[in-house]
Each structure stands twice: as structure tokens, then as C-alpha cells.
C-alpha atoms as a PDB file:
ATOM      1  CA  MET A   1    -110.012 -85.872  28.757  1.00  0.00           C
ATOM      2  CA  SER A   2    -111.047 -86.433  25.161  1.00  0.00           C
ATOM      3  CA  HIS A   3    -112.089 -89.750  23.677  1.00  0.00           C
ATOM      4  CA  VAL A   4    -111.778 -91.433  20.302  1.00  0.00           C
ATOM      5  CA  TYR A   5    -114.731 -93.568  19.315  1.00  0.00           C
ATOM      6  CA  LYS A   6    -114.932 -96.526  16.960  1.00  0.00           C
ATOM      7  CA  ILE A   7    -118.283 -97.355  15.369  1.00  0.00           C
ATOM      8  CA  ILE A   8    -119.275-100.818  14.183  1.00  0.00           C
ATOM      9  CA  GLU A   9    -122.443-102.057  12.528  1.00  0.00           C
ATOM     10  CA  LEU A  10    -124.164-105.237  13.710  1.00  0.00           C
ATOM     11  CA  THR A  11    -127.382-107.071  12.922  1.00  0.00           C
ATOM     12  CA  GLY A  12    -129.085-108.916  15.760  1.00  0.00           C
ATOM     13  CA  SER A  13    -131.998-111.268  15.352  1.00  0.00           C
ATOM     14  CA  SER A  14    -134.739-112.719  17.534  1.00  0.00           C
ATOM     15  CA  PRO A  15    -137.979-114.643  17.142  1.00  0.00           C
ATOM     16  CA  ILE A  16    -139.382-112.703  20.145  1.00  0.00           C
ATOM     17  CA  SER A  17    -139.165-108.953  19.389  1.00  0.00           C
ATOM     18  CA  SER A  18    -137.183-106.162  17.805  1.00  0.00           C
ATOM     19  CA  ASP A  19    -135.997-105.081  21.282  1.00  0.00           C
ATOM     20  CA  ASP A  20    -134.702-108.585  21.901  1.00  0.00           C
ATOM     21  CA  ALA A  21    -132.867-108.501  18.559  1.00  0.00           C
ATOM     22  CA  VAL A  22    -131.101-105.286  19.651  1.00  0.00           C
ATOM     23  CA  LYS A  23    -130.215-106.843  23.017  1.00  0.00           C
ATOM     24  CA  ASN A  24    -128.788-109.919  21.269  1.00  0.00           C
ATOM     25  CA  ALA A  25    -126.554-107.766  19.046  1.00  0.00           C
ATOM     26  CA  ILE A  26    -125.286-105.719  22.012  1.00  0.00           C
ATOM     27  CA  ALA A  27    -124.700-108.827  24.143  1.00  0.00           C
ATOM     28  CA  ALA A  28    -122.652-110.439  21.372  1.00  0.00           C
ATOM     29  CA  ALA A  29    -120.558-107.279  20.954  1.00  0.00           C
ATOM     30  CA  ALA A  30    -119.965-107.077  24.714  1.00  0.00           C
ATOM     31  CA  GLN A  31    -118.388-110.551  24.678  1.00  0.00           C
ATOM     32  CA  SER A  32    -115.398-109.395  22.634  1.00  0.00           C
ATOM     33  CA  LEU A  33    -115.383-105.580  22.930  1.00  0.00           C
ATOM     34  CA  HIS A  34    -115.191-103.285  25.930  1.00  0.00           C
ATOM     35  CA  ASN A  35    -116.011 -99.643  26.603  1.00  0.00           C
ATOM     36  CA  LEU A  36    -119.333 -99.883  24.727  1.00  0.00           C
ATOM     37  CA  ARG A  37    -120.972 -96.444  25.037  1.00  0.00           C
ATOM     38  CA  TRP A  38    -124.029 -96.123  22.787  1.00  0.00           C
ATOM     39  CA  PHE A  39    -126.094 -97.668  20.008  1.00  0.00           C
ATOM     40  CA  GLU A  40    -128.318 -96.376  17.226  1.00  0.00           C
ATOM     41  CA  VAL A  41    -130.978 -98.444  15.462  1.00  0.00           C
ATOM     42  CA  ILE A  42    -130.535 -97.892  11.734  1.00  0.00           C
ATOM     43  CA  GLU A  43    -132.760-100.571  10.213  1.00  0.00           C
ATOM     44  CA  THR A  44    -135.538-102.911  11.311  1.00  0.00           C
ATOM     45  CA  ARG A  45    -136.854-105.753   9.208  1.00  0.00           C
ATOM     46  CA  GLY A  46    -138.300-109.191   9.695  1.00  0.00           C
ATOM     47  CA  HIS A  47    -138.901-112.603   8.255  1.00  0.00           C
ATOM     48  CA  LEU A  48    -142.476-113.724   7.587  1.00  0.00           C
ATOM     49  CA  GLU A  49    -143.863-117.239   7.572  1.00  0.00           C
ATOM     50  CA  ALA A  50    -147.490-117.896   6.634  1.00  0.00           C
ATOM     51  CA  GLY A  51    -148.222-114.194   6.908  1.00  0.00           C
ATOM     52  CA  VAL A  52    -146.984-113.740  10.482  1.00  0.00           C
ATOM     53  CA  ILE A  53    -143.737-112.406  11.912  1.00  0.00           C
ATOM     54  CA  ALA A  54    -141.367-115.310  12.466  1.00  0.00           C
ATOM     55  CA  HIS A  55    -138.137-113.437  13.129  1.00  0.00           C
ATOM     56  CA  TRP A  56    -136.981-109.868  13.769  1.00  0.00           C
ATOM     57  CA  GLN A  57    -133.716-108.493  12.355  1.00  0.00           C
ATOM     58  CA  VAL A  58    -132.391-105.164  13.635  1.00  0.00           C
ATOM     59  CA  THR A  59    -129.232-103.438  12.414  1.00  0.00           C
ATOM     60  CA  VAL A  60    -127.523-101.159  14.924  1.00  0.00           C
ATOM     61  CA  LYS A  61    -124.466 -98.954  14.975  1.00  0.00           C
ATOM     62  CA  VAL A  62    -122.538 -99.425  18.219  1.00  0.00           C
ATOM     63  CA  GLY A  63    -120.006 -96.895  19.458  1.00  0.00           C
ATOM     64  CA  PHE A  64    -117.197 -97.664  21.869  1.00  0.00           C
ATOM     65  CA  THR A  65    -114.161 -95.787  23.112  1.00  0.00           C
ATOM     66  CA  LEU A  66    -110.709 -96.897  22.148  1.00  0.00           C
ATOM     67  CA  ASP A  67    -108.155 -97.560  24.873  1.00  0.00           C
ATOM     68  CA  ALA A  68    -106.031 -94.517  25.638  1.00  0.00           C
ATOM     69  CA  ALA A  69    -102.433 -94.636  24.417  1.00  0.00           C
ATOM     70  CA  ASP A  70     -99.905 -94.694  27.256  1.00  0.00           C
END
């Protein structure tokens, strides 16, 4: 069986860590999409306040399979 994949780009954020920012993006996608298969981190950045990291922002590509046509 072959699959067709759709790829979307999301940016998650977190005050805790870059890993948590990725998890937040994936969790949000999982609320409205199904058949999530993989992700790829494409950009990591952050927000600084008084010289310290205040917030992480991570952009990911998420791939999911489309439903098979009947």
C-alpha cells in the first residue's frame, strides 16, 4: 500500500525549553489532524528579556498521511 503525505509548518512556543515548544506544536496539531507520522525541526529561536531566555520558539514541519480514497 502506498501513502500520500501532506506537510504543514507550525511554530510552537514554550517558556520552559525548545523540546517543550516542539511538543506544544505537535499536541496542537494532534487536536485537529490525524495520522501524524513525523516531524522535522527547521528553525529554533527565542525571546530574550534582561539578557536571559524568556521564551523558546521552534518551527517544525509535520507530515501526516491523507485518508485513502474509497
